[in-house]
Amino acid sequence: MIYVYFLYHVHDDAELGRRRNKTAGVFSTEERARQAIERLGVLRGFRNHPEGWRIHRRTVDKTSWTEGFDKATHKKLSYSVRH
């Protein structure tokens, strides 16, 4: 299997009253994603929310989300995905 590592930054925006998500990059290794955190972590905004970094490993050519969701609640809806 081939993996990639998505780097996200997440923080709660008090002005908007909601959570903000930013995709900072996609990397070939977890180590490269961590190096990007070190580079980006000193920048305005990111440095104010150092706890917001998330790294998610994903398998290439594999569906990660296999269920629908309700727009109002964002809860998962269970049903089969047909390929």
Protein backbone atom coordinates (compact mmCIF):
# COMPACT_ATOMS: atom_id res chain seq x y z
CA MET A 1 0.00 0.00 0.00
CA ILE A 2 1.04 3.57 -0.65
CA TYR A 3 0.36 6.17 2.03
CA VAL A 4 0.26 9.95 2.04
CA TYR A 5 0.11 12.25 5.05
CA PHE A 6 -2.36 15.14 5.05
CA LEU A 7 -1.36 18.06 7.24
CA TYR A 8 -4.21 20.16 8.63
CA HIS A 9 -4.43 23.08 10.98
CA VAL A 10 -7.63 23.43 13.02
CA HIS A 11 -8.72 26.18 15.40
CA ASP A 12 -11.93 27.69 16.74
CA ASP A 13 -12.67 31.13 15.27
CA ALA A 14 -14.47 33.16 17.95
CA GLU A 15 -15.42 35.91 15.50
CA LEU A 16 -17.16 33.48 13.17
CA GLY A 17 -18.35 31.18 15.93
CA ARG A 18 -17.09 28.07 14.18
CA ARG A 19 -14.11 25.82 13.66
CA ARG A 20 -11.68 26.69 10.87
CA ASN A 21 -9.78 23.96 8.99
CA LYS A 22 -6.85 24.56 6.68
CA THR A 23 -5.12 21.94 4.58
CA ALA A 24 -1.45 22.87 4.86
CA GLY A 25 -0.11 20.14 2.59
CA VAL A 26 0.13 16.51 1.56
CA PHE A 27 3.39 14.68 2.22
CA SER A 28 5.04 11.40 1.34
CA THR A 29 6.13 10.71 4.93
CA GLU A 30 5.00 11.65 8.43
CA GLU A 31 8.46 13.09 9.06
CA ARG A 32 8.08 15.54 6.17
CA ALA A 33 4.69 16.60 7.51
CA ARG A 34 6.28 17.24 10.93
CA GLN A 35 9.05 19.28 9.29
CA ALA A 36 6.38 21.42 7.63
CA ILE A 37 4.81 22.06 11.04
CA GLU A 38 8.16 23.39 12.24
CA ARG A 39 8.43 25.70 9.20
CA LEU A 40 4.82 26.89 9.28
CA GLY A 41 4.46 27.04 13.06
CA VAL A 42 6.34 30.34 13.30
CA LEU A 43 3.98 32.14 10.90
CA ARG A 44 1.27 34.54 12.02
CA GLY A 45 -1.93 32.74 12.93
CA PHE A 46 -0.31 29.32 13.18
CA ARG A 47 1.98 30.42 16.00
CA ASN A 48 -1.08 31.61 17.96
CA HIS A 49 -2.60 28.12 17.81
CA PRO A 50 0.27 25.60 18.05
CA GLU A 51 -2.08 22.89 19.34
CA GLY A 52 -4.08 22.94 16.09
CA TRP A 53 -1.87 20.70 13.94
CA ARG A 54 -3.22 17.34 12.76
CA ILE A 55 -1.58 14.72 10.56
CA HIS A 56 -3.83 12.11 8.95
CA ARG A 57 -2.39 9.12 7.13
CA ARG A 58 -4.42 8.03 4.12
CA THR A 59 -4.06 5.13 1.72
CA VAL A 60 -3.74 6.10 -1.94
CA ASP A 61 -6.63 4.92 -4.15
CA LYS A 62 -8.80 3.97 -1.19
CA THR A 63 -12.03 5.71 -0.19
CA SER A 64 -11.71 6.96 3.37
CA TRP A 65 -15.29 8.13 3.84
CA THR A 66 -17.82 5.45 2.94
CA GLU A 67 -20.98 6.97 4.39
CA GLY A 68 -23.08 10.02 3.62
CA PHE A 69 -23.80 12.79 6.12
CA ASP A 70 -26.68 14.98 7.20
CA LYS A 71 -25.91 18.61 6.28
CA ALA A 72 -27.69 20.00 9.35
CA THR A 73 -26.09 17.75 11.96
CA HIS A 74 -22.99 16.45 10.12
CA LYS A 75 -23.81 13.01 11.52
CA LYS A 76 -22.86 10.04 9.37
CA LEU A 77 -25.57 8.28 7.39
CA SER A 78 -24.99 4.57 6.87
CA TYR A 79 -25.50 3.04 3.47
CA SER A 80 -23.42 1.05 1.02
CA VAL A 81 -21.18 2.71 -1.52
CA ARG A 82 -21.29 1.11 -4.96
CA HIS A 83 -18.21 1.23 -7.16
